[in-house]
């Protein structure tokens, strides 16, 4: 079950699944793996930013991606609002 939005979205997989629901041709889920390590979380966010969000006209800064990986409060909510 999903309980903490910042933690649940920290690896980028849940955002990829959300975007895939609305834009199934944009997201290839095999590129994203559930992660606990910061390096893998950052890789997922960079891939999502480069391959998917860019096509939607959304570009995340490195700071935003790092804050999302580190479960900073209200970062995920801000990203979701931009979608």
N, C-alpha and C. Protein backbone atom coordinates (compact mmCIF):
# COMPACT_ATOMS: atom_id res chain seq x y z
N UNK A 1 0.82 -1.20 0.00
CA UNK A 1 0.00 0.00 0.00
C UNK A 1 0.86 1.26 0.00
N UNK A 2 0.37 2.28 -0.64
CA UNK A 2 1.07 3.56 -0.71
C UNK A 2 0.63 4.43 0.46
N UNK A 3 1.60 4.92 1.22
CA UNK A 3 1.27 5.67 2.43
C UNK A 3 1.91 7.05 2.47
N UNK A 4 3.12 7.15 1.97
CA UNK A 4 3.86 8.40 2.04
C UNK A 4 4.19 8.82 0.62
N UNK A 5 3.54 9.86 0.13
CA UNK A 5 3.67 10.22 -1.28
C UNK A 5 5.11 10.55 -1.66
N UNK A 6 5.84 11.23 -0.81
CA UNK A 6 7.22 11.57 -1.13
C UNK A 6 8.09 10.33 -1.26
N UNK A 7 7.91 9.38 -0.35
CA UNK A 7 8.70 8.16 -0.39
C UNK A 7 8.27 7.26 -1.55
N UNK A 8 6.96 7.20 -1.81
CA UNK A 8 6.46 6.33 -2.87
C UNK A 8 6.90 6.80 -4.25
N UNK A 9 7.03 8.10 -4.44
CA UNK A 9 7.43 8.64 -5.73
C UNK A 9 8.93 8.84 -5.84
N UNK A 10 9.68 8.58 -4.78
CA UNK A 10 11.11 8.93 -4.76
C UNK A 10 11.95 8.22 -5.81
N UNK A 11 11.54 7.05 -6.24
CA UNK A 11 12.34 6.35 -7.26
C UNK A 11 11.85 6.62 -8.68
N UNK A 12 10.79 7.39 -8.85
CA UNK A 12 10.31 7.77 -10.17
C UNK A 12 9.41 6.75 -10.84
N UNK A 13 9.34 5.55 -10.31
CA UNK A 13 8.56 4.48 -10.95
C UNK A 13 7.06 4.80 -10.92
N UNK A 14 6.57 5.28 -9.80
CA UNK A 14 5.14 5.57 -9.70
C UNK A 14 4.74 6.72 -10.63
N UNK A 15 5.61 7.69 -10.80
CA UNK A 15 5.33 8.78 -11.75
C UNK A 15 5.33 8.23 -13.17
N UNK A 16 6.26 7.34 -13.48
CA UNK A 16 6.29 6.71 -14.80
C UNK A 16 5.00 5.92 -15.06
N UNK A 17 4.53 5.20 -14.04
CA UNK A 17 3.28 4.45 -14.18
C UNK A 17 2.09 5.38 -14.37
N UNK A 18 2.10 6.51 -13.67
CA UNK A 18 1.01 7.48 -13.80
C UNK A 18 0.98 8.08 -15.19
N UNK A 19 2.13 8.47 -15.70
CA UNK A 19 2.20 9.04 -17.05
C UNK A 19 1.82 7.98 -18.08
N UNK A 20 2.27 6.75 -17.86
CA UNK A 20 1.94 5.67 -18.79
C UNK A 20 0.43 5.44 -18.88
N UNK A 21 -0.27 5.62 -17.79
CA UNK A 21 -1.71 5.43 -17.79
C UNK A 21 -2.39 6.39 -18.79
N UNK A 22 -1.91 7.62 -18.83
CA UNK A 22 -2.52 8.64 -19.70
C UNK A 22 -1.86 8.71 -21.08
N UNK A 23 -0.58 8.37 -21.17
CA UNK A 23 0.17 8.41 -22.43
C UNK A 23 0.92 7.09 -22.60
N UNK A 24 0.21 6.01 -22.93
CA UNK A 24 0.86 4.69 -22.94
C UNK A 24 2.00 4.55 -23.95
N UNK A 25 2.00 5.33 -25.00
CA UNK A 25 3.07 5.21 -26.00
C UNK A 25 4.35 5.93 -25.60
N UNK A 26 4.27 6.80 -24.62
CA UNK A 26 5.45 7.57 -24.21
C UNK A 26 6.37 6.83 -23.26
N UNK A 27 5.82 5.96 -22.44
CA UNK A 27 6.59 5.35 -21.36
C UNK A 27 6.81 3.87 -21.62
N UNK A 28 8.07 3.46 -21.55
CA UNK A 28 8.42 2.04 -21.62
C UNK A 28 8.85 1.63 -20.21
N UNK A 29 7.98 0.91 -19.53
CA UNK A 29 8.19 0.61 -18.11
C UNK A 29 9.43 -0.23 -17.84
N UNK A 30 9.95 -0.94 -18.83
CA UNK A 30 11.14 -1.76 -18.58
C UNK A 30 12.37 -0.89 -18.29
N UNK A 31 12.29 0.42 -18.57
CA UNK A 31 13.41 1.32 -18.27
C UNK A 31 13.51 1.71 -16.80
N UNK A 32 12.47 1.42 -16.02
CA UNK A 32 12.41 1.88 -14.64
C UNK A 32 12.31 0.70 -13.69
N UNK A 33 13.16 0.70 -12.68
CA UNK A 33 13.10 -0.38 -11.69
C UNK A 33 12.96 0.23 -10.30
N UNK A 34 12.19 -0.43 -9.45
CA UNK A 34 12.02 0.02 -8.07
C UNK A 34 13.39 0.05 -7.40
N UNK A 35 13.65 1.13 -6.65
CA UNK A 35 15.00 1.28 -6.11
C UNK A 35 14.98 1.86 -4.71
N UNK A 36 16.00 1.48 -3.95
CA UNK A 36 16.26 2.08 -2.65
C UNK A 36 17.54 2.90 -2.69
N UNK A 37 18.45 2.56 -3.59
CA UNK A 37 19.73 3.26 -3.70
C UNK A 37 19.54 4.60 -4.40
N UNK A 38 20.20 5.62 -3.90
CA UNK A 38 20.08 6.96 -4.47
C UNK A 38 20.51 7.01 -5.93
N UNK A 39 21.55 6.28 -6.27
CA UNK A 39 22.06 6.30 -7.64
C UNK A 39 21.01 5.76 -8.61
N UNK A 40 20.35 4.67 -8.26
CA UNK A 40 19.33 4.10 -9.13
C UNK A 40 18.10 5.00 -9.19
N UNK A 41 17.74 5.61 -8.07
CA UNK A 41 16.61 6.56 -8.08
C UNK A 41 16.91 7.71 -9.04
N UNK A 42 18.12 8.24 -8.95
CA UNK A 42 18.50 9.36 -9.81
C UNK A 42 18.51 8.94 -11.27
N UNK A 43 18.98 7.73 -11.55
CA UNK A 43 18.96 7.22 -12.92
C UNK A 43 17.53 7.16 -13.45
N UNK A 44 16.60 6.66 -12.63
CA UNK A 44 15.20 6.59 -13.04
C UNK A 44 14.65 7.98 -13.35
N UNK A 45 14.94 8.95 -12.48
CA UNK A 45 14.44 10.31 -12.69
C UNK A 45 15.06 10.95 -13.94
N UNK A 46 16.35 10.72 -14.16
CA UNK A 46 17.00 11.27 -15.34
C UNK A 46 16.43 10.67 -16.62
N UNK A 47 16.18 9.38 -16.59
CA UNK A 47 15.58 8.71 -17.75
C UNK A 47 14.18 9.24 -18.01
N UNK A 48 13.40 9.37 -16.98
CA UNK A 48 12.04 9.90 -17.09
C UNK A 48 12.07 11.33 -17.62
N UNK A 49 12.97 12.13 -17.12
CA UNK A 49 13.10 13.52 -17.53
C UNK A 49 13.50 13.63 -18.99
N UNK A 50 14.48 12.80 -19.40
CA UNK A 50 15.03 12.86 -20.75
C UNK A 50 14.08 12.28 -21.80
N UNK A 51 13.46 11.15 -21.50
CA UNK A 51 12.69 10.44 -22.51
C UNK A 51 11.20 10.75 -22.52
N UNK A 52 10.64 11.14 -21.38
CA UNK A 52 9.18 11.27 -21.29
C UNK A 52 8.75 12.71 -21.02
N UNK A 53 9.22 13.26 -19.92
CA UNK A 53 8.75 14.59 -19.53
C UNK A 53 9.13 15.65 -20.56
N UNK A 54 10.26 15.48 -21.19
CA UNK A 54 10.69 16.42 -22.24
C UNK A 54 9.67 16.48 -23.37
N UNK A 55 9.12 15.35 -23.74
CA UNK A 55 8.09 15.29 -24.80
C UNK A 55 6.80 15.96 -24.38
N UNK A 56 6.58 16.06 -23.06
CA UNK A 56 5.37 16.70 -22.55
C UNK A 56 5.61 18.19 -22.27
N UNK A 57 6.82 18.67 -22.57
CA UNK A 57 7.13 20.07 -22.36
C UNK A 57 7.49 20.40 -20.92
N UNK A 58 7.90 19.39 -20.17
CA UNK A 58 8.27 19.58 -18.76
C UNK A 58 9.73 19.19 -18.62
N UNK A 59 10.52 20.09 -18.06
CA UNK A 59 11.93 19.79 -17.81
C UNK A 59 12.20 19.99 -16.33
N UNK A 60 12.69 18.95 -15.69
CA UNK A 60 13.03 19.02 -14.27
C UNK A 60 14.49 19.39 -14.11
N UNK A 61 14.77 20.22 -13.13
CA UNK A 61 16.16 20.57 -12.84
C UNK A 61 16.80 19.43 -12.04
N UNK A 62 18.11 19.44 -12.00
CA UNK A 62 18.84 18.43 -11.23
C UNK A 62 18.45 18.55 -9.75
N UNK A 63 18.29 19.78 -9.28
CA UNK A 63 17.90 20.00 -7.89
C UNK A 63 16.54 19.37 -7.59
N UNK A 64 15.58 19.54 -8.50
CA UNK A 64 14.25 18.94 -8.29
C UNK A 64 14.33 17.43 -8.24
N UNK A 65 15.13 16.85 -9.14
CA UNK A 65 15.27 15.40 -9.16
C UNK A 65 15.95 14.90 -7.89
N UNK A 66 16.97 15.60 -7.43
CA UNK A 66 17.65 15.20 -6.19
C UNK A 66 16.71 15.30 -4.99
N UNK A 67 15.92 16.37 -4.95
CA UNK A 67 14.97 16.53 -3.84
C UNK A 67 13.91 15.44 -3.87
N UNK A 68 13.46 15.07 -5.06
CA UNK A 68 12.48 13.98 -5.17
C UNK A 68 13.10 12.67 -4.68
N UNK A 69 14.34 12.41 -5.04
CA UNK A 69 15.03 11.20 -4.59
C UNK A 69 15.20 11.18 -3.07
N UNK A 70 15.38 12.35 -2.49
CA UNK A 70 15.62 12.45 -1.05
C UNK A 70 14.34 12.67 -0.25
N UNK A 71 13.19 12.52 -0.89
CA UNK A 71 11.88 12.62 -0.24
C UNK A 71 11.63 13.98 0.40
N UNK A 72 12.08 15.04 -0.24
CA UNK A 72 11.83 16.38 0.30
C UNK A 72 10.34 16.67 0.25
N UNK A 73 9.81 17.37 1.25
CA UNK A 73 8.37 17.64 1.29
C UNK A 73 7.92 18.54 0.15
N UNK A 74 6.77 18.23 -0.39
CA UNK A 74 6.05 18.99 -1.42
C UNK A 74 6.73 19.05 -2.79
N UNK A 75 7.83 18.35 -2.98
CA UNK A 75 8.48 18.35 -4.30
C UNK A 75 7.67 17.53 -5.29
N UNK A 76 7.26 16.35 -4.89
CA UNK A 76 6.48 15.48 -5.77
C UNK A 76 5.16 16.13 -6.13
N UNK A 77 4.54 16.77 -5.16
CA UNK A 77 3.27 17.44 -5.42
C UNK A 77 3.44 18.53 -6.47
N UNK A 78 4.54 19.28 -6.40
CA UNK A 78 4.81 20.34 -7.37
C UNK A 78 5.02 19.75 -8.76
N UNK A 79 5.71 18.62 -8.83
CA UNK A 79 5.94 17.96 -10.12
C UNK A 79 4.62 17.46 -10.71
N UNK A 80 3.80 16.87 -9.86
CA UNK A 80 2.50 16.37 -10.32
C UNK A 80 1.60 17.51 -10.82
N UNK A 81 1.67 18.65 -10.18
CA UNK A 81 0.89 19.80 -10.63
C UNK A 81 1.31 20.27 -12.01
N UNK A 82 2.59 20.15 -12.31
CA UNK A 82 3.09 20.56 -13.63
C UNK A 82 2.62 19.62 -14.74
N UNK A 83 2.25 18.41 -14.38
CA UNK A 83 1.74 17.48 -15.38
C UNK A 83 0.36 17.91 -15.80
